[in-house]
């Protein structure tokens, strides 16, 4: 009795809701380019969060603080907007990136040697907005 294994087949009740919807025909799967862009976007968010919350003694200083904020969030915005096609989604992405900038600036108050600056948040939001503006201008077809 101890050495016997009991094999049961689990059956889902007929009225249970599936965890994932069944694949729909006619819809394309996600392209490898989209996968790479999503991975790059996620890594970009991680790099920004970690570099923003590092203590001041460990944070690398390569360029001006405001320029670093602008460039980091502009690159994040560019990668994010390449994933999206609809302008409404791009606007939501920019709003989300700006919210991330505000939250990280508030969290810097609790990081040793760091201080909260409104100018950093403005530079970050301008970077995200300029990236979205470039993406929208690039999608326009001029006569």
Protein backbone atom coordinates (compact mmCIF):
# COMPACT_ATOMS: atom_id res chain seq x y z
CA UNK A 1 0.00 0.00 0.00
CA UNK A 2 2.81 2.44 0.75
CA UNK A 3 4.62 1.89 -2.53
CA UNK A 4 1.58 2.27 -4.75
CA UNK A 5 0.92 5.53 -6.48
CA UNK A 6 -2.56 6.70 -7.08
CA UNK A 7 -3.04 8.18 -10.52
CA UNK A 8 -5.99 10.45 -10.96
CA UNK A 9 -6.86 12.60 -13.87
CA UNK A 10 -8.04 15.99 -12.88
CA UNK A 11 -11.03 17.25 -14.77
CA UNK A 12 -12.18 20.77 -14.87
CA UNK A 13 -15.82 21.31 -14.01
CA UNK A 14 -17.89 22.25 -17.00
CA UNK A 15 -18.99 25.56 -15.49
CA UNK A 16 -15.46 26.70 -14.52
CA UNK A 17 -14.02 29.81 -16.14
CA UNK A 18 -10.71 29.17 -17.93
CA UNK A 19 -7.68 31.09 -16.66
CA UNK A 20 -6.62 32.09 -20.15
CA UNK A 21 -8.97 32.65 -23.06
CA UNK A 22 -8.58 30.21 -25.92
CA UNK A 23 -6.44 31.46 -28.82
CA UNK A 24 -8.47 33.29 -31.42
CA UNK A 25 -8.07 32.56 -35.07
CA UNK A 26 -7.07 35.39 -37.32
CA UNK A 27 -5.13 37.23 -34.61
CA UNK A 28 -1.40 37.38 -35.03
CA UNK A 29 0.87 36.38 -32.24
CA UNK A 30 3.31 38.88 -30.83
CA UNK A 31 6.31 39.49 -33.07
CA UNK A 32 9.91 39.01 -31.93
CA UNK A 33 10.43 42.76 -32.33
CA UNK A 34 7.60 43.44 -29.89
CA UNK A 35 9.04 40.94 -27.43
CA UNK A 36 12.44 42.65 -27.56
CA UNK A 37 10.87 46.08 -27.14
CA UNK A 38 8.91 44.90 -24.11
CA UNK A 39 12.02 43.39 -22.55
CA UNK A 40 13.98 46.59 -23.24
CA UNK A 41 11.19 48.69 -21.73
CA UNK A 42 11.06 46.54 -18.59
CA UNK A 43 14.84 46.68 -18.21
CA UNK A 44 14.73 50.45 -18.72
CA UNK A 45 12.18 50.84 -15.94
CA UNK A 46 14.33 48.65 -13.65
CA UNK A 47 17.47 50.67 -14.40
CA UNK A 48 15.69 53.96 -13.73
CA UNK A 49 14.16 52.71 -10.47
CA UNK A 50 17.45 51.30 -9.16
CA UNK A 51 19.53 54.32 -10.19
CA UNK A 52 16.98 56.71 -8.72
CA UNK A 53 16.88 54.98 -5.34
CA UNK A 54 20.59 54.29 -4.88
CA UNK A 55 22.15 56.20 -1.99
CA UNK A 56 23.99 59.32 -3.13
CA UNK A 57 27.40 57.86 -2.27
CA UNK A 58 26.85 54.91 -4.65
CA UNK A 59 25.14 56.77 -7.49
CA UNK A 60 27.40 57.38 -10.50
CA UNK A 61 27.65 60.99 -11.65
CA UNK A 62 28.48 61.07 -15.35
CA UNK A 63 26.61 64.12 -16.64
CA UNK A 64 24.42 66.90 -15.32
CA UNK A 65 21.58 65.64 -13.12
CA UNK A 66 18.79 67.24 -15.14
CA UNK A 67 20.25 66.08 -18.45
CA UNK A 68 20.49 62.53 -17.08
CA UNK A 69 16.83 62.63 -16.06
CA UNK A 70 15.79 64.00 -19.46
CA UNK A 71 17.80 61.43 -21.44
CA UNK A 72 16.81 58.42 -19.33
CA UNK A 73 13.09 59.15 -19.51
CA UNK A 74 13.31 60.15 -23.20
CA UNK A 75 14.90 56.79 -24.03
CA UNK A 76 12.31 54.98 -21.93
CA UNK A 77 9.58 56.92 -23.71
CA UNK A 78 11.00 56.14 -27.15
CA UNK A 79 11.19 52.42 -26.45
CA UNK A 80 7.70 52.50 -24.96
CA UNK A 81 6.14 54.39 -27.85
CA UNK A 82 7.69 52.03 -30.42
CA UNK A 83 5.60 49.27 -28.82
CA UNK A 84 2.35 51.19 -29.27
CA UNK A 85 0.45 52.39 -32.29
CA UNK A 86 -2.58 54.28 -30.99
CA UNK A 87 -2.13 57.88 -29.86
CA UNK A 88 -4.42 57.27 -26.89
CA UNK A 89 -2.13 54.50 -25.65
CA UNK A 90 0.92 56.69 -26.18
CA UNK A 91 -0.69 59.39 -24.05
CA UNK A 92 -1.43 56.83 -21.33
CA UNK A 93 2.18 55.62 -21.49
CA UNK A 94 3.52 59.17 -21.09
CA UNK A 95 1.19 59.72 -18.15
CA UNK A 96 2.42 56.48 -16.57
CA UNK A 97 6.07 57.42 -17.07
CA UNK A 98 5.46 60.85 -15.54
CA UNK A 99 3.72 59.18 -12.58
CA UNK A 100 6.77 56.94 -12.18
CA UNK A 101 8.98 60.04 -12.14
CA UNK A 102 6.87 61.68 -9.42
CA UNK A 103 6.75 58.54 -7.28
CA UNK A 104 10.51 58.02 -7.56
CA UNK A 105 11.20 61.63 -6.59
CA UNK A 106 9.04 61.19 -3.50
CA UNK A 107 10.85 57.94 -2.67
CA UNK A 108 14.23 59.68 -2.99
CA UNK A 109 13.37 61.58 0.14
CA UNK A 110 13.84 58.32 2.07
CA UNK A 111 17.10 57.34 0.32
CA UNK A 112 20.29 58.32 2.19
CA UNK A 113 21.95 61.41 0.75
CA UNK A 114 19.19 62.06 -1.76
CA UNK A 115 16.70 64.88 -1.87
CA UNK A 116 13.43 65.47 -3.63
CA UNK A 117 13.59 68.09 -6.42
CA UNK A 118 10.73 69.33 -8.55
CA UNK A 119 13.17 70.22 -11.34
CA UNK A 120 14.15 66.55 -11.68
CA UNK A 121 10.51 65.59 -12.10
CA UNK A 122 9.99 68.32 -14.70
CA UNK A 123 13.08 67.17 -16.64
CA UNK A 124 11.85 63.57 -16.52
CA UNK A 125 8.37 64.46 -17.73
CA UNK A 126 9.78 66.66 -20.50
CA UNK A 127 11.92 63.74 -21.66
CA UNK A 128 8.93 61.41 -21.82
CA UNK A 129 6.77 64.02 -23.57
CA UNK A 130 9.46 64.83 -26.13
CA UNK A 131 9.84 61.13 -26.95
CA UNK A 132 6.11 60.82 -27.49
CA UNK A 133 6.13 63.97 -29.61
CA UNK A 134 8.91 62.56 -31.78
CA UNK A 135 7.00 59.31 -32.20
CA UNK A 136 3.80 61.08 -33.19
CA UNK A 137 5.64 63.38 -35.62
CA UNK A 138 7.38 60.39 -37.17
CA UNK A 139 4.03 58.68 -37.75
CA UNK A 140 2.55 61.69 -39.58
CA UNK A 141 2.71 61.63 -43.32
CA UNK A 142 3.63 64.97 -44.71
CA UNK A 143 2.45 65.86 -48.26
